[in-house]
N, C-alpha and C. Protein backbone atom coordinates (compact mmCIF):
# COMPACT_ATOMS: atom_id res chain seq x y z
N MET A 1 -38.27 -55.02 -27.49
CA MET A 1 -39.15 -54.79 -26.37
C MET A 1 -38.39 -54.81 -25.05
N ILE A 2 -37.57 -55.83 -24.88
CA ILE A 2 -36.81 -55.93 -23.64
C ILE A 2 -35.79 -54.80 -23.51
N TYR A 3 -35.24 -54.38 -24.67
CA TYR A 3 -34.29 -53.26 -24.64
C TYR A 3 -34.99 -51.95 -24.25
N ALA A 4 -36.22 -51.81 -24.65
CA ALA A 4 -36.98 -50.62 -24.29
C ALA A 4 -37.26 -50.58 -22.79
N ILE A 5 -37.56 -51.74 -22.20
CA ILE A 5 -37.81 -51.83 -20.76
C ILE A 5 -36.53 -51.53 -19.98
N ILE A 6 -35.41 -52.14 -20.40
CA ILE A 6 -34.13 -51.90 -19.74
C ILE A 6 -33.73 -50.43 -19.88
N GLY A 7 -33.92 -49.86 -21.05
CA GLY A 7 -33.62 -48.44 -21.27
C GLY A 7 -34.49 -47.54 -20.41
N GLY A 8 -35.75 -47.88 -20.29
CA GLY A 8 -36.67 -47.10 -19.44
C GLY A 8 -36.27 -47.15 -17.98
N VAL A 9 -35.89 -48.35 -17.51
CA VAL A 9 -35.46 -48.51 -16.12
C VAL A 9 -34.18 -47.71 -15.88
N LEU A 10 -33.24 -47.75 -16.83
CA LEU A 10 -31.99 -46.98 -16.69
C LEU A 10 -32.28 -45.48 -16.65
N VAL A 11 -33.18 -45.01 -17.49
CA VAL A 11 -33.54 -43.59 -17.50
C VAL A 11 -34.16 -43.21 -16.15
N ILE A 12 -35.01 -44.05 -15.61
CA ILE A 12 -35.63 -43.78 -14.31
C ILE A 12 -34.57 -43.75 -13.20
N ILE A 13 -33.65 -44.71 -13.21
CA ILE A 13 -32.58 -44.76 -12.20
C ILE A 13 -31.69 -43.53 -12.29
N ILE A 14 -31.30 -43.17 -13.50
CA ILE A 14 -30.46 -41.98 -13.69
C ILE A 14 -31.23 -40.73 -13.27
N GLY A 15 -32.50 -40.66 -13.58
CA GLY A 15 -33.34 -39.52 -13.18
C GLY A 15 -33.43 -39.40 -11.66
N ILE A 16 -33.63 -40.53 -10.98
CA ILE A 16 -33.69 -40.52 -9.51
C ILE A 16 -32.35 -40.08 -8.94
N PHE A 17 -31.25 -40.56 -9.52
CA PHE A 17 -29.93 -40.18 -9.06
C PHE A 17 -29.70 -38.67 -9.24
N VAL A 18 -30.06 -38.14 -10.38
CA VAL A 18 -29.87 -36.70 -10.65
C VAL A 18 -30.73 -35.86 -9.72
N ILE A 19 -31.97 -36.26 -9.52
CA ILE A 19 -32.87 -35.52 -8.64
C ILE A 19 -32.36 -35.54 -7.20
N SER A 20 -31.94 -36.71 -6.71
CA SER A 20 -31.43 -36.78 -5.34
C SER A 20 -30.13 -36.00 -5.20
N PHE A 21 -29.26 -36.03 -6.23
CA PHE A 21 -28.01 -35.27 -6.20
C PHE A 21 -28.33 -33.77 -6.09
N MET A 22 -29.25 -33.30 -6.90
CA MET A 22 -29.61 -31.87 -6.88
C MET A 22 -30.28 -31.49 -5.55
N TYR A 23 -31.11 -32.39 -5.02
CA TYR A 23 -31.78 -32.13 -3.74
C TYR A 23 -30.74 -31.92 -2.63
N TYR A 24 -29.81 -32.86 -2.51
CA TYR A 24 -28.81 -32.75 -1.44
C TYR A 24 -27.81 -31.64 -1.68
N ARG A 25 -27.51 -31.36 -2.93
CA ARG A 25 -26.62 -30.23 -3.22
C ARG A 25 -27.28 -28.92 -2.79
N ASN A 26 -28.55 -28.76 -3.09
CA ASN A 26 -29.28 -27.56 -2.67
C ASN A 26 -29.38 -27.48 -1.14
N LYS A 27 -29.57 -28.63 -0.53
CA LYS A 27 -29.66 -28.66 0.94
C LYS A 27 -28.32 -28.22 1.55
N TYR A 28 -27.21 -28.74 1.01
CA TYR A 28 -25.89 -28.31 1.48
C TYR A 28 -25.71 -26.81 1.27
N GLU A 29 -26.05 -26.31 0.11
CA GLU A 29 -25.89 -24.88 -0.19
C GLU A 29 -26.69 -24.03 0.79
N PHE A 30 -27.92 -24.43 1.04
CA PHE A 30 -28.78 -23.69 1.95
C PHE A 30 -28.19 -23.69 3.37
N LEU A 31 -27.71 -24.84 3.82
CA LEU A 31 -27.11 -24.93 5.16
C LEU A 31 -25.83 -24.10 5.26
N TYR A 32 -25.02 -24.11 4.21
CA TYR A 32 -23.80 -23.29 4.22
C TYR A 32 -24.14 -21.81 4.24
N ILE A 33 -25.21 -21.41 3.57
CA ILE A 33 -25.65 -20.01 3.62
C ILE A 33 -26.08 -19.65 5.03
N LYS A 34 -26.81 -20.55 5.70
CA LYS A 34 -27.24 -20.30 7.06
C LYS A 34 -26.06 -20.21 8.02
N VAL A 35 -25.05 -21.06 7.82
CA VAL A 35 -23.86 -21.02 8.67
C VAL A 35 -23.09 -19.71 8.44
N LYS A 36 -23.00 -19.29 7.19
CA LYS A 36 -22.31 -18.03 6.87
C LYS A 36 -23.05 -16.85 7.50
N GLU A 37 -24.37 -16.87 7.43
CA GLU A 37 -25.18 -15.82 8.05
C GLU A 37 -24.95 -15.79 9.56
N ALA A 38 -24.95 -16.96 10.19
CA ALA A 38 -24.71 -17.03 11.63
C ALA A 38 -23.30 -16.55 11.96
N ASP A 39 -22.35 -16.87 11.11
CA ASP A 39 -20.97 -16.43 11.32
C ASP A 39 -20.88 -14.90 11.27
N ASN A 40 -21.59 -14.29 10.33
CA ASN A 40 -21.63 -12.82 10.25
C ASN A 40 -22.27 -12.21 11.49
N ASN A 41 -23.36 -12.82 11.97
CA ASN A 41 -24.01 -12.34 13.20
C ASN A 41 -23.08 -12.48 14.40
N LEU A 42 -22.35 -13.59 14.46
CA LEU A 42 -21.39 -13.79 15.54
C LEU A 42 -20.32 -12.71 15.52
N ASP A 43 -19.86 -12.36 14.33
CA ASP A 43 -18.84 -11.32 14.20
C ASP A 43 -19.35 -10.00 14.79
N ILE A 44 -20.56 -9.63 14.45
CA ILE A 44 -21.15 -8.39 14.95
C ILE A 44 -21.32 -8.44 16.47
N LEU A 45 -21.82 -9.56 16.99
CA LEU A 45 -22.05 -9.69 18.43
C LEU A 45 -20.74 -9.71 19.21
N LEU A 46 -19.71 -10.33 18.66
CA LEU A 46 -18.41 -10.34 19.33
C LEU A 46 -17.80 -8.94 19.36
N GLN A 47 -17.99 -8.18 18.28
CA GLN A 47 -17.51 -6.80 18.27
C GLN A 47 -18.25 -5.96 19.31
N LYS A 48 -19.56 -6.16 19.44
CA LYS A 48 -20.34 -5.44 20.45
C LYS A 48 -19.88 -5.80 21.85
N LYS A 49 -19.61 -7.08 22.07
CA LYS A 49 -19.14 -7.53 23.39
C LYS A 49 -17.81 -6.86 23.72
N GLU A 50 -16.93 -6.81 22.74
CA GLU A 50 -15.63 -6.17 22.95
C GLU A 50 -15.81 -4.68 23.25
N GLU A 51 -16.71 -4.00 22.54
CA GLU A 51 -16.98 -2.58 22.79
C GLU A 51 -17.51 -2.35 24.20
N ILE A 52 -18.40 -3.21 24.66
CA ILE A 52 -18.95 -3.07 26.01
C ILE A 52 -17.84 -3.25 27.04
N LEU A 53 -17.00 -4.27 26.84
CA LEU A 53 -15.90 -4.50 27.78
C LEU A 53 -14.93 -3.31 27.77
N LEU A 54 -14.70 -2.72 26.60
CA LEU A 54 -13.82 -1.56 26.51
C LEU A 54 -14.42 -0.35 27.23
N LYS A 55 -15.74 -0.27 27.32
CA LYS A 55 -16.38 0.81 28.06
C LYS A 55 -16.33 0.58 29.57
N ILE A 56 -16.25 -0.68 29.98
CA ILE A 56 -16.17 -0.99 31.41
C ILE A 56 -14.77 -0.70 31.96
N VAL A 57 -13.74 -0.90 31.14
CA VAL A 57 -12.36 -0.74 31.59
C VAL A 57 -12.09 0.64 32.20
N PRO A 58 -12.46 1.76 31.55
CA PRO A 58 -12.17 3.07 32.16
C PRO A 58 -12.87 3.28 33.50
N ILE A 59 -14.05 2.71 33.66
CA ILE A 59 -14.77 2.83 34.93
C ILE A 59 -13.99 2.12 36.03
N LEU A 60 -13.48 0.93 35.72
CA LEU A 60 -12.68 0.19 36.70
C LEU A 60 -11.37 0.91 36.98
N GLU A 61 -10.75 1.47 35.95
CA GLU A 61 -9.50 2.21 36.14
C GLU A 61 -9.73 3.47 36.96
N GLU A 62 -10.86 4.12 36.75
CA GLU A 62 -11.22 5.33 37.50
C GLU A 62 -11.36 5.03 38.99
N ASP A 63 -11.85 3.82 39.28
CA ASP A 63 -12.01 3.40 40.68
C ASP A 63 -10.76 2.72 41.23
N LYS A 64 -9.67 2.84 40.47
CA LYS A 64 -8.35 2.32 40.88
C LYS A 64 -8.36 0.82 41.17
N ILE A 65 -9.02 0.08 40.30
CA ILE A 65 -9.06 -1.38 40.38
C ILE A 65 -7.88 -1.93 39.59
N LYS A 66 -7.20 -2.91 40.16
CA LYS A 66 -6.04 -3.51 39.50
C LYS A 66 -6.44 -4.83 38.83
N ASP A 67 -5.52 -5.36 38.06
CA ASP A 67 -5.67 -6.66 37.38
C ASP A 67 -6.85 -6.68 36.40
N ILE A 68 -7.05 -5.59 35.69
CA ILE A 68 -8.11 -5.52 34.69
C ILE A 68 -7.62 -6.25 33.44
N PRO A 69 -8.43 -7.13 32.87
CA PRO A 69 -8.01 -7.86 31.66
C PRO A 69 -7.69 -6.89 30.52
N PRO A 70 -6.68 -7.20 29.72
CA PRO A 70 -6.25 -6.31 28.63
C PRO A 70 -7.14 -6.42 27.39
N VAL A 71 -8.36 -5.90 27.48
CA VAL A 71 -9.32 -5.99 26.38
C VAL A 71 -8.82 -5.23 25.15
N GLY A 72 -8.16 -4.11 25.36
CA GLY A 72 -7.68 -3.28 24.26
C GLY A 72 -6.66 -3.97 23.38
N LYS A 73 -5.97 -4.94 23.91
CA LYS A 73 -4.93 -5.64 23.14
C LYS A 73 -5.51 -6.67 22.16
N LEU A 74 -6.79 -6.98 22.29
CA LEU A 74 -7.41 -7.97 21.39
C LEU A 74 -7.41 -7.49 19.94
N LYS A 75 -7.56 -6.19 19.74
CA LYS A 75 -7.60 -5.66 18.37
C LYS A 75 -6.27 -5.87 17.65
N MET A 76 -5.18 -5.87 18.41
CA MET A 76 -3.85 -6.05 17.80
C MET A 76 -3.60 -7.50 17.38
N GLN A 77 -4.26 -8.41 18.07
CA GLN A 77 -4.08 -9.82 17.75
C GLN A 77 -4.97 -10.19 16.57
N ARG A 78 -4.50 -11.10 15.79
CA ARG A 78 -5.30 -11.60 14.65
C ARG A 78 -5.96 -12.91 15.09
N LEU A 79 -7.17 -12.79 15.64
CA LEU A 79 -7.89 -13.95 16.15
C LEU A 79 -9.07 -14.28 15.24
N ASP A 80 -9.28 -15.57 15.04
CA ASP A 80 -10.50 -15.95 14.33
C ASP A 80 -11.68 -15.91 15.32
N HIS A 81 -12.87 -16.19 14.84
CA HIS A 81 -14.05 -16.06 15.69
C HIS A 81 -14.00 -16.96 16.92
N ARG A 82 -13.52 -18.16 16.76
CA ARG A 82 -13.47 -19.09 17.89
C ARG A 82 -12.51 -18.59 18.97
N GLU A 83 -11.35 -18.14 18.55
CA GLU A 83 -10.36 -17.64 19.51
C GLU A 83 -10.87 -16.35 20.17
N LEU A 84 -11.46 -15.46 19.37
CA LEU A 84 -12.00 -14.22 19.91
C LEU A 84 -13.13 -14.51 20.90
N TYR A 85 -13.99 -15.44 20.55
CA TYR A 85 -15.08 -15.83 21.44
C TYR A 85 -14.53 -16.35 22.77
N THR A 86 -13.54 -17.22 22.71
CA THR A 86 -12.94 -17.79 23.92
C THR A 86 -12.29 -16.70 24.76
N GLU A 87 -11.53 -15.82 24.12
CA GLU A 87 -10.86 -14.74 24.85
C GLU A 87 -11.86 -13.78 25.48
N LEU A 88 -12.89 -13.40 24.74
CA LEU A 88 -13.89 -12.48 25.27
C LEU A 88 -14.67 -13.10 26.43
N MET A 89 -14.98 -14.38 26.34
CA MET A 89 -15.67 -15.05 27.45
C MET A 89 -14.79 -15.08 28.69
N LYS A 90 -13.51 -15.36 28.48
CA LYS A 90 -12.57 -15.40 29.60
C LYS A 90 -12.46 -14.01 30.24
N MET A 91 -12.33 -12.98 29.42
CA MET A 91 -12.22 -11.62 29.93
C MET A 91 -13.51 -11.16 30.61
N THR A 92 -14.64 -11.57 30.08
CA THR A 92 -15.92 -11.23 30.70
C THR A 92 -16.00 -11.84 32.10
N LYS A 93 -15.63 -13.10 32.22
CA LYS A 93 -15.63 -13.75 33.54
C LYS A 93 -14.71 -13.02 34.51
N GLU A 94 -13.50 -12.67 34.04
CA GLU A 94 -12.54 -11.97 34.89
C GLU A 94 -13.10 -10.62 35.34
N MET A 95 -13.68 -9.88 34.41
CA MET A 95 -14.22 -8.55 34.76
C MET A 95 -15.37 -8.68 35.74
N LEU A 96 -16.23 -9.64 35.53
CA LEU A 96 -17.36 -9.81 36.45
C LEU A 96 -16.90 -10.26 37.83
N HIS A 97 -15.83 -11.06 37.87
CA HIS A 97 -15.24 -11.42 39.17
C HIS A 97 -14.69 -10.18 39.86
N ILE A 98 -14.02 -9.33 39.11
CA ILE A 98 -13.46 -8.10 39.68
C ILE A 98 -14.58 -7.20 40.19
N ILE A 99 -15.62 -7.03 39.39
CA ILE A 99 -16.75 -6.19 39.79
C ILE A 99 -17.41 -6.76 41.03
N ASP A 100 -17.54 -8.06 41.11
CA ASP A 100 -18.14 -8.70 42.27
C ASP A 100 -17.24 -8.55 43.50
N ASP A 101 -15.93 -8.71 43.32
CA ASP A 101 -15.00 -8.62 44.45
C ASP A 101 -14.90 -7.20 45.00
N TYR A 102 -14.96 -6.19 44.12
CA TYR A 102 -14.83 -4.79 44.53
C TYR A 102 -16.19 -4.09 44.54
N ASP A 103 -17.18 -4.79 44.97
CA ASP A 103 -18.56 -4.31 44.91
C ASP A 103 -18.72 -2.94 45.58
N GLY A 104 -18.11 -2.71 46.72
CA GLY A 104 -18.26 -1.45 47.44
C GLY A 104 -17.47 -0.30 46.84
N LYS A 105 -16.41 -0.59 46.11
CA LYS A 105 -15.54 0.45 45.57
C LYS A 105 -15.98 0.98 44.21
N ILE A 106 -16.81 0.25 43.52
CA ILE A 106 -17.17 0.58 42.14
C ILE A 106 -18.48 1.35 42.11
N ASP A 107 -18.54 2.38 41.27
CA ASP A 107 -19.75 3.17 41.08
C ASP A 107 -20.75 2.34 40.27
N LEU A 108 -21.73 1.79 40.97
CA LEU A 108 -22.69 0.90 40.32
C LEU A 108 -23.62 1.62 39.36
N GLU A 109 -23.84 2.92 39.56
CA GLU A 109 -24.70 3.67 38.64
C GLU A 109 -24.09 3.75 37.25
N LYS A 110 -22.77 3.81 37.17
CA LYS A 110 -22.10 3.87 35.88
C LYS A 110 -22.00 2.50 35.22
N ILE A 111 -21.77 1.49 36.05
CA ILE A 111 -21.45 0.17 35.49
C ILE A 111 -22.68 -0.71 35.28
N SER A 112 -23.77 -0.46 36.01
CA SER A 112 -24.96 -1.31 35.88
C SER A 112 -25.55 -1.33 34.48
N PRO A 113 -25.68 -0.16 33.79
CA PRO A 113 -26.21 -0.23 32.42
C PRO A 113 -25.31 -1.03 31.48
N LEU A 114 -24.01 -0.95 31.71
CA LEU A 114 -23.08 -1.74 30.88
C LEU A 114 -23.20 -3.23 31.16
N ILE A 115 -23.43 -3.57 32.42
CA ILE A 115 -23.64 -4.99 32.78
C ILE A 115 -24.92 -5.50 32.13
N ASP A 116 -25.95 -4.65 32.11
CA ASP A 116 -27.21 -5.04 31.46
C ASP A 116 -26.99 -5.27 29.96
N LYS A 117 -26.24 -4.37 29.33
CA LYS A 117 -25.93 -4.55 27.90
C LYS A 117 -25.10 -5.81 27.68
N LEU A 118 -24.19 -6.09 28.61
CA LEU A 118 -23.37 -7.29 28.51
C LEU A 118 -24.23 -8.54 28.62
N ASN A 119 -25.21 -8.53 29.51
CA ASN A 119 -26.13 -9.67 29.66
C ASN A 119 -26.99 -9.84 28.41
N GLU A 120 -27.47 -8.73 27.85
CA GLU A 120 -28.27 -8.79 26.64
C GLU A 120 -27.44 -9.34 25.48
N ASN A 121 -26.20 -8.87 25.37
CA ASN A 121 -25.29 -9.35 24.34
C ASN A 121 -25.02 -10.84 24.53
N GLU A 122 -24.87 -11.24 25.77
CA GLU A 122 -24.61 -12.65 26.07
C GLU A 122 -25.76 -13.54 25.60
N ASN A 123 -26.99 -13.08 25.83
CA ASN A 123 -28.16 -13.85 25.38
C ASN A 123 -28.22 -13.92 23.86
N ASP A 124 -27.97 -12.79 23.19
CA ASP A 124 -27.96 -12.78 21.73
C ASP A 124 -26.85 -13.66 21.18
N LEU A 125 -25.70 -13.60 21.81
CA LEU A 125 -24.56 -14.41 21.39
C LEU A 125 -24.85 -15.90 21.55
N ARG A 126 -25.46 -16.25 22.65
CA ARG A 126 -25.81 -17.66 22.89
C ARG A 126 -26.81 -18.15 21.84
N ALA A 127 -27.78 -17.30 21.48
CA ALA A 127 -28.77 -17.68 20.45
C ALA A 127 -28.10 -17.85 19.09
N ALA A 128 -27.19 -16.93 18.74
CA ALA A 128 -26.49 -17.02 17.46
C ALA A 128 -25.59 -18.26 17.42
N LEU A 129 -24.96 -18.58 18.54
CA LEU A 129 -24.12 -19.78 18.60
C LEU A 129 -24.95 -21.04 18.45
N LYS A 130 -26.13 -21.05 19.06
CA LYS A 130 -27.00 -22.23 18.94
C LYS A 130 -27.45 -22.40 17.49
N TYR A 131 -27.81 -21.30 16.84
CA TYR A 131 -28.22 -21.34 15.43
C TYR A 131 -27.07 -21.86 14.57
N TYR A 132 -25.88 -21.36 14.81
CA TYR A 132 -24.69 -21.81 14.07
C TYR A 132 -24.45 -23.30 14.30
N ASN A 133 -24.47 -23.71 15.57
CA ASN A 133 -24.20 -25.11 15.90
C ASN A 133 -25.26 -26.05 15.34
N ASP A 134 -26.52 -25.65 15.38
CA ASP A 134 -27.58 -26.51 14.84
C ASP A 134 -27.37 -26.76 13.35
N ASN A 135 -27.03 -25.71 12.61
CA ASN A 135 -26.82 -25.86 11.17
C ASN A 135 -25.53 -26.60 10.86
N SER A 136 -24.49 -26.37 11.63
CA SER A 136 -23.23 -27.08 11.39
C SER A 136 -23.38 -28.56 11.71
N GLU A 137 -24.16 -28.88 12.74
CA GLU A 137 -24.40 -30.28 13.07
C GLU A 137 -25.21 -30.97 11.97
N GLU A 138 -26.13 -30.26 11.37
CA GLU A 138 -26.91 -30.84 10.27
C GLU A 138 -26.02 -31.10 9.06
N ILE A 139 -25.08 -30.17 8.78
CA ILE A 139 -24.12 -30.37 7.69
C ILE A 139 -23.29 -31.61 7.97
N ASN A 140 -22.80 -31.72 9.18
CA ASN A 140 -21.96 -32.87 9.55
C ASN A 140 -22.75 -34.17 9.55
N TYR A 141 -24.04 -34.10 9.89
CA TYR A 141 -24.89 -35.29 9.84
C TYR A 141 -25.08 -35.75 8.39
N LEU A 142 -25.32 -34.78 7.51
CA LEU A 142 -25.50 -35.13 6.10
C LEU A 142 -24.25 -35.77 5.51
N ALA A 143 -23.10 -35.38 6.02
CA ALA A 143 -21.84 -35.90 5.49
C ALA A 143 -21.69 -37.41 5.69
N HIS A 144 -22.48 -37.96 6.60
CA HIS A 144 -22.39 -39.40 6.89
C HIS A 144 -23.64 -40.15 6.46
N LYS A 145 -24.47 -39.52 5.67
CA LYS A 145 -25.74 -40.12 5.25
C LYS A 145 -25.71 -40.33 3.74
N PHE A 146 -26.07 -41.52 3.31
CA PHE A 146 -26.13 -41.81 1.88
C PHE A 146 -27.44 -41.27 1.34
N PRO A 147 -27.48 -40.66 0.22
CA PRO A 147 -26.53 -40.32 -0.81
C PRO A 147 -25.88 -38.95 -0.63
N ALA A 148 -26.20 -38.26 0.50
CA ALA A 148 -25.65 -36.92 0.73
C ALA A 148 -24.13 -36.96 0.84
N ASN A 149 -23.59 -38.07 1.33
CA ASN A 149 -22.12 -38.16 1.43
C ASN A 149 -21.47 -38.19 0.05
N LEU A 150 -22.16 -38.73 -0.95
CA LEU A 150 -21.63 -38.70 -2.32
C LEU A 150 -21.63 -37.27 -2.87
N VAL A 151 -22.67 -36.53 -2.56
CA VAL A 151 -22.75 -35.13 -2.99
C VAL A 151 -21.62 -34.34 -2.35
N LYS A 152 -21.38 -34.60 -1.07
CA LYS A 152 -20.28 -33.92 -0.36
C LYS A 152 -18.95 -34.23 -1.02
N THR A 153 -18.73 -35.48 -1.37
CA THR A 153 -17.47 -35.89 -1.98
C THR A 153 -17.28 -35.25 -3.35
N PHE A 154 -18.30 -35.30 -4.18
CA PHE A 154 -18.18 -34.76 -5.54
C PHE A 154 -18.16 -33.22 -5.56
N SER A 155 -18.81 -32.59 -4.59
CA SER A 155 -18.88 -31.12 -4.57
C SER A 155 -17.82 -30.49 -3.67
N HIS A 156 -17.02 -31.31 -3.03
CA HIS A 156 -15.92 -30.85 -2.18
C HIS A 156 -16.39 -29.98 -1.01
N TYR A 157 -17.50 -30.35 -0.40
CA TYR A 157 -17.95 -29.66 0.80
C TYR A 157 -17.12 -30.12 1.98
N GLN A 158 -16.99 -29.23 2.96
CA GLN A 158 -16.21 -29.53 4.16
C GLN A 158 -17.13 -29.62 5.37
N ASP A 159 -16.69 -30.38 6.38
CA ASP A 159 -17.41 -30.40 7.65
C ASP A 159 -17.24 -29.04 8.32
N VAL A 160 -18.17 -28.68 9.16
CA VAL A 160 -18.14 -27.40 9.87
C VAL A 160 -18.00 -27.69 11.36
N GLU A 161 -17.03 -27.04 11.97
CA GLU A 161 -16.78 -27.25 13.39
C GLU A 161 -17.76 -26.42 14.22
N SER A 162 -18.31 -27.03 15.25
CA SER A 162 -19.25 -26.35 16.13
C SER A 162 -18.51 -25.59 17.22
N TYR A 163 -19.19 -24.62 17.80
CA TYR A 163 -18.66 -23.88 18.94
C TYR A 163 -19.01 -24.61 20.22
N LYS A 164 -18.15 -24.50 21.20
CA LYS A 164 -18.46 -24.98 22.54
C LYS A 164 -19.04 -23.78 23.28
N ILE A 165 -20.30 -23.85 23.61
CA ILE A 165 -20.97 -22.73 24.27
C ILE A 165 -20.62 -22.76 25.75
N GLU A 166 -19.95 -21.68 26.18
CA GLU A 166 -19.52 -21.58 27.58
C GLU A 166 -20.61 -20.92 28.39
N LYS A 167 -20.83 -21.45 29.58
CA LYS A 167 -21.81 -20.86 30.47
C LYS A 167 -21.10 -19.93 31.43
N ARG A 168 -21.77 -18.87 31.75
CA ARG A 168 -21.19 -17.86 32.62
C ARG A 168 -21.69 -18.07 34.04
N ASP A 169 -20.80 -17.81 35.01
CA ASP A 169 -21.18 -17.90 36.41
C ASP A 169 -22.11 -16.74 36.76
N SER A 170 -22.92 -16.94 37.78
CA SER A 170 -23.74 -15.83 38.25
C SER A 170 -22.96 -15.09 39.32
N PHE A 171 -23.13 -13.79 39.35
CA PHE A 171 -22.41 -12.96 40.28
C PHE A 171 -23.40 -12.12 41.07
N GLU A 172 -22.96 -11.66 42.23
CA GLU A 172 -23.81 -10.84 43.10
C GLU A 172 -24.28 -9.58 42.38
N ILE A 173 -23.41 -8.95 41.63
CA ILE A 173 -23.73 -7.70 40.97
C ILE A 173 -24.88 -7.89 39.99
N LEU A 174 -25.01 -9.07 39.43
CA LEU A 174 -26.03 -9.34 38.43
C LEU A 174 -27.39 -9.63 39.05
N LYS A 175 -27.43 -9.82 40.35
CA LYS A 175 -28.68 -10.18 41.01
C LYS A 175 -29.49 -8.97 41.44
N ASN A 176 -28.99 -7.79 41.17
CA ASN A 176 -29.69 -6.55 41.56
C ASN A 176 -30.92 -6.35 40.72
């Protein structure tokens, strides 16, 4: 009788352990899928940002503006998403400073639609980064929570690094 009770308790404990292991494993898998999806969206948005900047460069060159950031050279470099994001944000700031500084020399009819597309891309990029960061933070939170930390250890899951979302300065050209 006592062996049956002990056996029943052990079966219940093992069952609870298996169920919680499967629950957290599925939760990790789902979060990693969401992070991968966000990473793919970031890739597309970063490519669009680069294309927009590449369209702005000839307009600035046509107006004989100097010190234009070398956007075309980014394709030659092998940058991961974080490095590409940082470089594109830096180049965007530089270009907007140039556009703001040479406000009278630049044909605003040509460049305004591109600035609008750049702003729209910036909003989409910020939303995708927030989605990525929210899910990566949840993965990292689970890594320090029992029993999810055991699932992480046994399943060899890794922590996910978040992006630092950079804010852009406002410029006169954008206030039109």
